[in-house]
Amino acid sequence: MKVVIAPDSFKESLPADEVARAIQAGFQSIFPQAEYHLLPIADGGEGTVKALVSAHKGRMESIFVTGPLGIPVEAKIAFSNEGKTAFIEMAEACGLHLVPIDRRNPLHTTSFGVGELMLHALNQGAAELIIGVGGSSTNDGGVGMASALGYEFFDEQGKTVKGNGKDLFRITSMSDRNRNRRLDSVKITVAADVDNPLTGNNGATYIYGPQKGLPKEMLNEMDHAMGRFYQIAGSFMKVDVSSLPGSGAGGGMGAGLLLFTGAQLKKGIDLVLEQLKVKEICQDADIVIVGEGKIDGQTIFGKAPAGVAKCAPRKAKVIAICGSVGEGSEALYNHGFTAIFPTIPAMLPIEHILSGAFANIERTSRNVAALLRNERDGFNG
């Protein structure tokens, strides 16, 4: 029996490689002779750098950049073996995990550190940047990132704003006179973890703002401010990117990289699956196990579990193991999923749930494997 274990991270509790090991531990206690393939996955959010650098046998280093709240944070950046390609993860500089729960509000967070990571890559001689734009705490439309790259944004009084979510309400004009000209000679690919547009009911603010701490009463105002800013910036740059799929990824970072750096956008999960050769590895699998912290109706919009499920052969069972199951998850049964299993054992304080993630995943995986054992006669395990 061949079992492919290809989970994403469980945000704020376990990285993807540990999730994969926990799942294997649970399954191995029931199917000790099975052939296991562990493929930690990312979709443009947390873990993208680790997944891509492993595929390229590259190196990783850490630098200090401006964090989401303006305080320096240590962020990882990776380079391919020959150093010509840099792998950047937005979440390293402004991820949701970097903001304490009681301080989460995308009106006050910035993506400035992402631009600093890009500048570091250029300083190291990188000719290509691959940037994952998921898992952020921001909804600044990439203004912070663009400011770090030399763009200037001004309010009605002509004062420069640095670029957090609240500044989208204030910006009335911009300048590119100090834009870093090295952007003209570097290839930039955006690995987006979702395909949402920038604005509207399915856009960055309405869909992802609440989980980043944006008050519900601010959703309409924030969405309007984002749209107004991109009218100003789009008119200045003579490009409209706001309706493109994926432009809403990373709180509008997808749109920001497209507009301010001339980047090309690609679904993050497609890029990672291609780099890790997941389809080839899954082609003769009996069981494919996917997972992430929460599985709901958003999962089909370019998230890792749905991407991996598409790589599974028709005969394989596709099992999802997740922290929790949310509204709309039933749609996944029409997208190749066999079953979905949450791991949270009881109503517990959030800190207990996060700290017990490995044990919860292992226990749930063991229970799933025990359920499947009744069918093991159909496998060669």
Protein backbone atom coordinates (compact mmCIF):
# COMPACT_ATOMS: atom_id res chain seq x y z
CA MET A 1 0.00 0.00 0.00
CA LYS A 2 1.40 3.40 -1.02
CA VAL A 3 0.46 6.35 1.15
CA VAL A 4 1.34 9.89 0.08
CA ILE A 5 1.19 12.40 2.94
CA ALA A 6 1.10 15.95 1.57
CA PRO A 7 -0.25 18.42 4.14
CA ASP A 8 0.08 22.17 4.42
CA SER A 9 0.99 23.72 7.79
CA PHE A 10 -1.48 24.10 10.62
CA LYS A 11 -1.16 27.85 11.11
CA GLU A 12 0.37 28.97 14.39
CA SER A 13 0.78 25.42 15.69
CA LEU A 14 2.76 23.08 13.40
CA PRO A 15 4.78 23.52 10.19
CA ALA A 16 3.93 21.23 7.29
CA ASP A 17 6.86 18.85 7.81
CA GLU A 18 5.82 18.17 11.42
CA VAL A 19 2.20 17.73 10.37
CA ALA A 20 3.36 15.12 7.86
CA ARG A 21 5.37 13.27 10.52
CA ALA A 22 2.42 13.28 12.92
CA ILE A 23 0.13 11.82 10.25
CA GLN A 24 2.71 9.16 9.40
CA ALA A 25 3.09 8.23 13.08
CA GLY A 26 -0.65 7.66 13.38
CA PHE A 27 -0.93 5.64 10.18
CA GLN A 28 2.20 3.61 10.83
CA SER A 29 0.77 2.27 14.07
CA ILE A 30 -1.98 0.61 12.00
CA PHE A 31 -0.18 0.06 8.68
CA PRO A 32 3.48 -0.51 9.65
CA GLN A 33 4.41 -2.10 6.31
CA ALA A 34 2.98 0.61 4.06
CA GLU A 35 5.18 2.64 1.72
CA TYR A 36 5.11 6.26 2.89
CA HIS A 37 5.99 9.38 0.91
CA LEU A 38 6.08 12.61 2.92
CA LEU A 39 5.65 15.77 0.84
CA PRO A 40 5.16 18.85 3.04
CA ILE A 41 3.23 21.33 0.90
CA ALA A 42 2.70 25.08 0.81
CA ASP A 43 0.43 27.16 -1.40
CA GLY A 44 2.13 30.55 -1.28
CA GLY A 45 1.65 31.01 2.44
CA GLU A 46 3.69 29.75 5.36
CA GLY A 47 6.17 27.02 4.42
CA THR A 48 6.49 27.99 0.75
CA VAL A 49 10.15 28.92 1.08
CA LYS A 50 10.99 25.68 2.86
CA ALA A 51 9.15 23.60 0.26
CA LEU A 52 10.78 25.33 -2.73
CA VAL A 53 14.31 25.49 -1.39
CA SER A 54 14.24 21.76 -0.70
CA ALA A 55 13.29 21.17 -4.33
CA HIS A 56 16.22 23.28 -5.51
CA LYS A 57 18.77 22.07 -2.92
CA GLY A 58 19.39 25.66 -2.03
CA ARG A 59 20.42 27.57 1.07
CA MET A 60 18.48 29.59 3.59
CA GLU A 61 19.52 32.62 5.60
CA SER A 62 17.90 35.06 8.01
CA ILE A 63 17.89 38.85 8.08
CA PHE A 64 16.10 41.46 10.16
CA VAL A 65 13.34 43.40 8.43
CA THR A 66 10.46 45.64 9.45
CA GLY A 67 7.72 43.51 10.98
CA PRO A 68 3.97 43.97 10.55
CA LEU A 69 3.74 46.32 13.55
CA GLY A 70 6.87 48.28 12.60
CA ILE A 71 9.10 46.38 15.02
CA PRO A 72 12.08 44.46 13.51
CA VAL A 73 11.57 40.73 13.05
CA GLU A 74 13.95 37.99 11.92
CA ALA A 75 12.80 36.69 8.53
CA LYS A 76 14.09 33.79 6.44
CA ILE A 77 14.94 34.09 2.77
CA ALA A 78 16.26 31.30 0.56
CA PHE A 79 18.39 31.10 -2.57
CA SER A 80 18.79 28.39 -5.18
CA ASN A 81 22.02 26.44 -5.27
CA GLU A 82 23.66 28.82 -7.76
CA GLY A 83 22.19 31.89 -6.07
CA LYS A 84 20.32 33.27 -9.07
CA THR A 85 16.81 32.59 -7.75
CA ALA A 86 15.55 33.92 -4.42
CA PHE A 87 12.57 32.44 -2.60
CA ILE A 88 10.65 34.90 -0.45
CA GLU A 89 7.70 34.23 1.80
CA MET A 90 5.49 37.20 2.66
CA ALA A 91 4.52 35.57 5.95
CA GLU A 92 8.14 35.69 7.11
CA ALA A 93 8.01 39.49 7.19
CA CYS A 94 4.36 40.21 8.00
CA GLY A 95 2.66 36.91 8.79
CA LEU A 96 -0.38 36.71 11.02
CA HIS A 97 1.64 34.64 13.49
CA LEU A 98 3.87 37.67 14.11
CA VAL A 99 1.00 39.70 15.57
CA PRO A 100 -0.34 38.93 19.07
CA ILE A 101 -4.01 37.95 18.97
CA ASP A 102 -5.10 41.01 20.93
CA ARG A 103 -3.31 43.36 18.50
CA ARG A 104 -4.55 41.94 15.22
CA ASN A 105 -6.05 44.57 12.96
CA PRO A 106 -4.91 45.05 9.33
CA LEU A 107 -5.52 48.78 9.65
CA HIS A 108 -2.29 48.89 11.65
CA THR A 109 -0.05 46.34 9.89
CA THR A 110 2.35 46.87 7.00
CA SER A 111 4.05 44.80 4.29
CA PHE A 112 7.16 47.02 4.30
CA GLY A 113 9.36 44.09 5.33
CA VAL A 114 8.48 42.19 2.15
CA GLY A 115 10.06 44.97 0.10
CA GLU A 116 13.14 44.80 2.31
CA LEU A 117 13.46 41.07 1.64
CA MET A 118 13.24 41.79 -2.09
CA LEU A 119 15.98 44.42 -1.84
CA HIS A 120 18.19 41.97 0.03
CA ALA A 121 17.72 39.43 -2.75
CA LEU A 122 18.67 42.02 -5.37
CA ASN A 123 21.73 43.00 -3.32
CA GLN A 124 22.79 39.35 -3.33
CA GLY A 125 22.64 39.26 -7.13
CA ALA A 126 19.40 37.34 -7.62
CA ALA A 127 18.01 37.58 -11.15
CA GLU A 128 14.68 35.92 -10.31
CA LEU A 129 12.39 36.25 -7.30
CA ILE A 130 9.63 33.80 -6.43
CA ILE A 131 7.40 35.34 -3.79
CA GLY A 132 4.73 33.49 -1.82
CA VAL A 133 1.99 35.88 -0.74
CA GLY A 134 -0.21 33.97 1.70
CA GLY A 135 -0.55 33.91 5.47
CA SER A 136 -0.25 37.66 5.96
CA SER A 137 -1.55 39.92 8.73
CA THR A 138 -1.90 42.80 6.28
CA ASN A 139 -4.52 44.36 4.06
CA ASP A 140 -2.44 47.28 2.77
CA GLY A 141 -2.61 46.43 -0.94
CA GLY A 142 1.17 46.10 -1.06
CA VAL A 143 1.71 49.79 -0.31
CA GLY A 144 4.21 48.98 2.43
CA MET A 145 6.19 46.72 0.09
CA ALA A 146 6.15 49.34 -2.66
CA SER A 147 7.34 52.03 -0.22
CA ALA A 148 10.38 49.91 0.65
CA LEU A 149 11.15 49.65 -3.08
CA GLY A 150 11.22 53.44 -3.46
CA TYR A 151 7.66 54.34 -4.43
CA GLU A 152 6.27 57.31 -2.56
CA PHE A 153 2.66 57.83 -1.51
CA PHE A 154 1.21 61.12 -0.32
CA ASP A 155 -1.85 62.35 1.57
CA GLU A 156 -3.88 65.50 0.82
CA GLN A 157 -1.28 67.69 2.55
CA GLY A 158 1.50 66.19 0.44
CA LYS A 159 2.95 64.29 3.41
CA THR A 160 4.52 60.89 2.77
CA VAL A 161 2.76 57.84 4.21
CA LYS A 162 4.70 54.64 4.86
CA GLY A 163 1.94 52.22 4.08
CA ASN A 164 -0.28 50.30 6.45
CA GLY A 165 -3.91 49.42 5.93
CA LYS A 166 -5.14 52.69 7.41
CA ASP A 167 -3.05 54.67 4.92
CA LEU A 168 -5.22 53.44 2.04
CA PHE A 169 -7.83 55.90 3.30
CA ARG A 170 -5.36 58.79 3.14
CA ILE A 171 -3.41 58.38 -0.10
CA THR A 172 -4.32 60.85 -2.84
CA SER A 173 -1.20 60.77 -5.05
CA MET A 174 2.05 58.89 -5.64
CA SER A 175 5.47 59.11 -7.28
CA ASP A 176 7.92 56.59 -8.77
CA ARG A 177 10.88 58.95 -9.11
CA ASN A 178 12.85 57.01 -6.47
CA ARG A 179 11.69 53.56 -7.58
CA ASN A 180 14.50 51.00 -7.49
CA ARG A 181 15.46 50.64 -11.14
CA ARG A 182 16.81 47.12 -10.66
CA LEU A 183 13.18 46.00 -10.77
CA ASP A 184 13.36 46.48 -14.55
CA SER A 185 15.87 43.65 -14.95
CA VAL A 186 14.63 41.02 -12.50
CA LYS A 187 11.99 38.35 -13.15
CA ILE A 188 9.38 38.18 -10.39
CA THR A 189 6.81 35.42 -10.03
CA VAL A 190 4.02 35.72 -7.49
CA ALA A 191 2.94 32.45 -5.90
CA ALA A 192 -0.62 33.27 -4.78
CA ASP A 193 -2.35 31.01 -2.28
CA VAL A 194 -5.84 32.04 -3.43
CA ASP A 195 -7.43 33.33 -6.64
CA ASN A 196 -9.66 36.01 -5.12
CA PRO A 197 -9.87 39.39 -6.87
CA LEU A 198 -8.76 42.54 -5.09
CA THR A 199 -12.15 43.99 -4.10
CA GLY A 200 -15.81 43.07 -3.83
CA ASN A 201 -17.66 40.43 -1.82
CA ASN A 202 -15.12 37.79 -2.84
CA GLY A 203 -12.12 40.10 -2.52
CA ALA A 204 -9.25 40.49 -0.08
CA THR A 205 -11.07 42.56 2.53
CA TYR A 206 -14.41 40.79 2.79
CA ILE A 207 -13.04 37.25 2.65
CA TYR A 208 -9.83 37.53 4.67
CA GLY A 209 -10.12 40.80 6.62
CA PRO A 210 -12.11 39.34 9.55
CA GLN A 211 -9.61 36.56 10.27
CA LYS A 212 -6.87 39.21 10.40
CA GLY A 213 -8.78 41.19 12.99
CA LEU A 214 -10.62 43.75 10.85
CA PRO A 215 -13.88 44.75 12.59
CA LYS A 216 -16.93 43.74 10.57
CA GLU A 217 -18.26 47.29 10.59
CA MET A 218 -15.08 48.35 8.72
CA LEU A 219 -15.34 45.85 5.86
CA ASN A 220 -17.22 48.09 3.44
CA GLU A 221 -15.06 51.15 4.19
CA MET A 222 -11.84 49.16 3.88
CA ASP A 223 -12.92 47.54 0.63
CA HIS A 224 -13.88 50.94 -0.79
CA ALA A 225 -10.53 52.42 0.30
CA MET A 226 -8.65 49.56 -1.39
CA GLY A 227 -10.59 50.08 -4.62
CA ARG A 228 -10.09 53.86 -4.52
CA PHE A 229 -6.34 53.48 -3.97
CA TYR A 230 -6.02 51.13 -6.95
CA GLN A 231 -7.90 53.58 -9.11
CA ILE A 232 -5.28 56.21 -8.19
CA ALA A 233 -2.31 53.86 -8.56
CA GLY A 234 -3.68 52.16 -11.68
CA SER A 235 -4.21 55.52 -13.36
CA PHE A 236 -0.67 56.60 -12.45
CA MET A 237 0.90 53.32 -13.67
CA LYS A 238 -1.51 53.04 -16.62
CA VAL A 239 -2.32 49.43 -15.68
CA ASP A 240 -5.45 47.91 -14.12
CA VAL A 241 -4.81 44.74 -12.14
CA SER A 242 -7.65 44.89 -9.61
CA SER A 243 -9.93 42.34 -11.28
CA LEU A 244 -7.26 39.72 -12.01
CA PRO A 245 -7.61 36.36 -10.20
CA GLY A 246 -5.18 36.29 -7.30
CA SER A 247 -4.87 40.07 -7.05
CA GLY A 248 -6.52 39.86 -3.62
CA ALA A 249 -3.97 37.37 -2.26
CA GLY A 250 -1.99 38.50 0.77
CA GLY A 251 -4.29 41.41 1.52
CA GLY A 252 -3.80 42.82 -1.96
CA MET A 253 -0.10 41.97 -2.20
CA GLY A 254 -0.85 40.06 -5.39
CA ALA A 255 -2.12 43.26 -6.98
CA GLY A 256 0.76 45.26 -5.51
CA LEU A 257 3.46 43.04 -6.99
CA LEU A 258 1.71 42.95 -10.36
CA LEU A 259 1.33 46.72 -10.48
CA PHE A 260 4.52 48.01 -8.84
CA THR A 261 7.06 45.39 -9.97
CA GLY A 262 5.65 44.00 -13.22
CA ALA A 263 5.46 40.53 -11.69
CA GLN A 264 3.70 37.53 -13.20
CA LEU A 265 1.14 35.76 -11.05
CA LYS A 266 0.82 32.01 -10.70
CA LYS A 267 -1.22 29.92 -8.30
CA GLY A 268 1.11 29.11 -5.45
CA ILE A 269 -0.07 25.57 -5.11
CA ASP A 270 0.46 24.90 -8.84
CA LEU A 271 4.02 26.23 -8.61
CA VAL A 272 4.84 24.09 -5.56
CA LEU A 273 3.19 20.95 -6.94
CA GLU A 274 5.17 21.34 -10.13
CA GLN A 275 8.47 21.94 -8.33
CA LEU A 276 7.96 18.95 -5.99
CA LYS A 277 6.67 16.64 -8.77
CA VAL A 278 3.64 15.74 -6.65
CA LYS A 279 1.54 14.44 -9.55
CA GLU A 280 4.26 12.01 -10.57
CA ILE A 281 4.68 10.72 -7.01
CA CYS A 282 0.90 10.33 -6.51
CA GLN A 283 0.22 8.50 -9.78
CA ASP A 284 0.21 5.01 -8.18
CA ALA A 285 -0.85 5.98 -4.66
CA ASP A 286 -3.57 4.08 -2.79
CA ILE A 287 -4.16 6.78 -0.20
CA VAL A 288 -3.38 10.50 -0.47
CA ILE A 289 -3.60 12.45 2.78
CA VAL A 290 -3.91 16.23 2.70
CA GLY A 291 -4.43 18.75 5.46
CA GLU A 292 -4.34 22.27 6.83
CA GLY A 293 -5.44 24.10 9.95
CA LYS A 294 -8.98 24.75 8.77
CA ILE A 295 -10.88 23.27 5.86
CA ASP A 296 -13.95 25.12 4.63
CA GLY A 297 -15.49 26.55 1.48
CA GLN A 298 -12.37 28.66 0.85
CA THR A 299 -10.22 25.55 0.44
CA ILE A 300 -11.26 25.04 -3.18
CA PHE A 301 -9.94 28.53 -4.09
CA GLY A 302 -6.35 27.50 -4.78
CA LYS A 303 -5.52 26.11 -1.33
CA ALA A 304 -3.04 23.27 -0.91
CA PRO A 305 -5.45 20.40 -0.05
CA ALA A 306 -7.52 20.97 -3.18
CA GLY A 307 -4.41 21.21 -5.33
CA VAL A 308 -2.99 17.95 -4.02
CA ALA A 309 -6.36 16.21 -4.42
CA LYS A 310 -6.23 16.98 -8.14
CA CYS A 311 -2.95 15.06 -8.35
CA ALA A 312 -4.43 11.88 -6.87
CA PRO A 313 -5.37 9.03 -9.22
CA ARG A 314 -9.06 8.21 -9.44
CA LYS A 315 -8.65 4.93 -7.57
CA ALA A 316 -7.02 6.57 -4.54
CA LYS A 317 -8.79 7.62 -1.39
CA VAL A 318 -8.18 11.29 -0.62
CA ILE A 319 -8.35 11.91 3.12
CA ALA A 320 -8.23 15.39 4.63
CA ILE A 321 -7.00 15.81 8.21
CA CYS A 322 -7.46 19.32 9.58
CA GLY A 323 -7.66 21.29 12.79
CA SER A 324 -11.28 22.25 12.25
CA VAL A 325 -14.00 22.04 9.62
CA GLY A 326 -15.81 25.21 8.59
CA GLU A 327 -18.81 26.28 6.59
CA GLY A 328 -18.90 25.16 2.97
CA SER A 329 -16.54 22.20 3.40
CA GLU A 330 -19.12 19.85 1.88
CA ALA A 331 -18.25 21.31 -1.54
CA LEU A 332 -14.93 19.46 -1.39
CA TYR A 333 -16.67 16.12 -1.87
CA ASN A 334 -17.30 17.27 -5.43
CA HIS A 335 -13.58 17.97 -5.86
CA GLY A 336 -12.07 14.55 -5.27
CA PHE A 337 -12.18 14.31 -1.46
CA THR A 338 -13.23 11.02 0.10
CA ALA A 339 -13.53 12.18 3.72
CA ILE A 340 -12.60 15.06 6.02
CA PHE A 341 -11.56 14.57 9.65
CA PRO A 342 -11.02 17.38 12.21
CA THR A 343 -8.47 16.87 14.99
CA ILE A 344 -9.70 19.16 17.77
CA PRO A 345 -10.80 16.74 20.53
CA ALA A 346 -12.95 19.05 22.68
CA MET A 347 -13.83 22.64 23.50
CA LEU A 348 -10.52 23.86 24.90
CA PRO A 349 -8.67 27.18 25.24
CA ILE A 350 -6.95 28.07 21.97
CA GLU A 351 -3.46 27.80 23.52
CA HIS A 352 -4.18 24.18 24.54
CA ILE A 353 -5.38 23.33 21.04
CA LEU A 354 -2.32 24.87 19.37
CA SER A 355 0.20 23.28 21.74
CA GLY A 356 -1.39 19.84 21.40
CA ALA A 357 -1.48 19.84 17.60
CA PHE A 358 1.03 17.01 17.02
CA ALA A 359 -0.71 14.63 19.43
CA ASN A 360 -4.15 15.55 18.08
CA ILE A 361 -3.06 14.95 14.48
CA GLU A 362 -1.38 11.65 15.35
CA ARG A 363 -4.43 10.39 17.26
CA THR A 364 -6.84 11.37 14.49
CA SER A 365 -4.61 9.78 11.86
CA ARG A 366 -4.47 6.55 13.84
CA ASN A 367 -8.28 6.53 14.06
CA VAL A 368 -8.58 7.14 10.31
CA ALA A 369 -6.13 4.34 9.58
CA ALA A 370 -8.06 2.00 11.86
CA LEU A 371 -11.22 2.82 9.93
CA LEU A 372 -9.47 2.04 6.66
CA ARG A 373 -7.99 -1.19 7.97
CA ASN A 374 -11.23 -2.99 7.23
CA GLU A 375 -10.51 -2.39 3.57
CA ARG A 376 -6.84 -3.34 3.68
CA ASP A 377 -7.48 -6.57 1.78
CA GLY A 378 -7.79 -4.37 -1.29
CA PHE A 379 -4.24 -3.09 -0.72
CA ASN A 380 -0.90 -4.80 -0.79
CA GLY A 381 0.06 -3.37 2.59
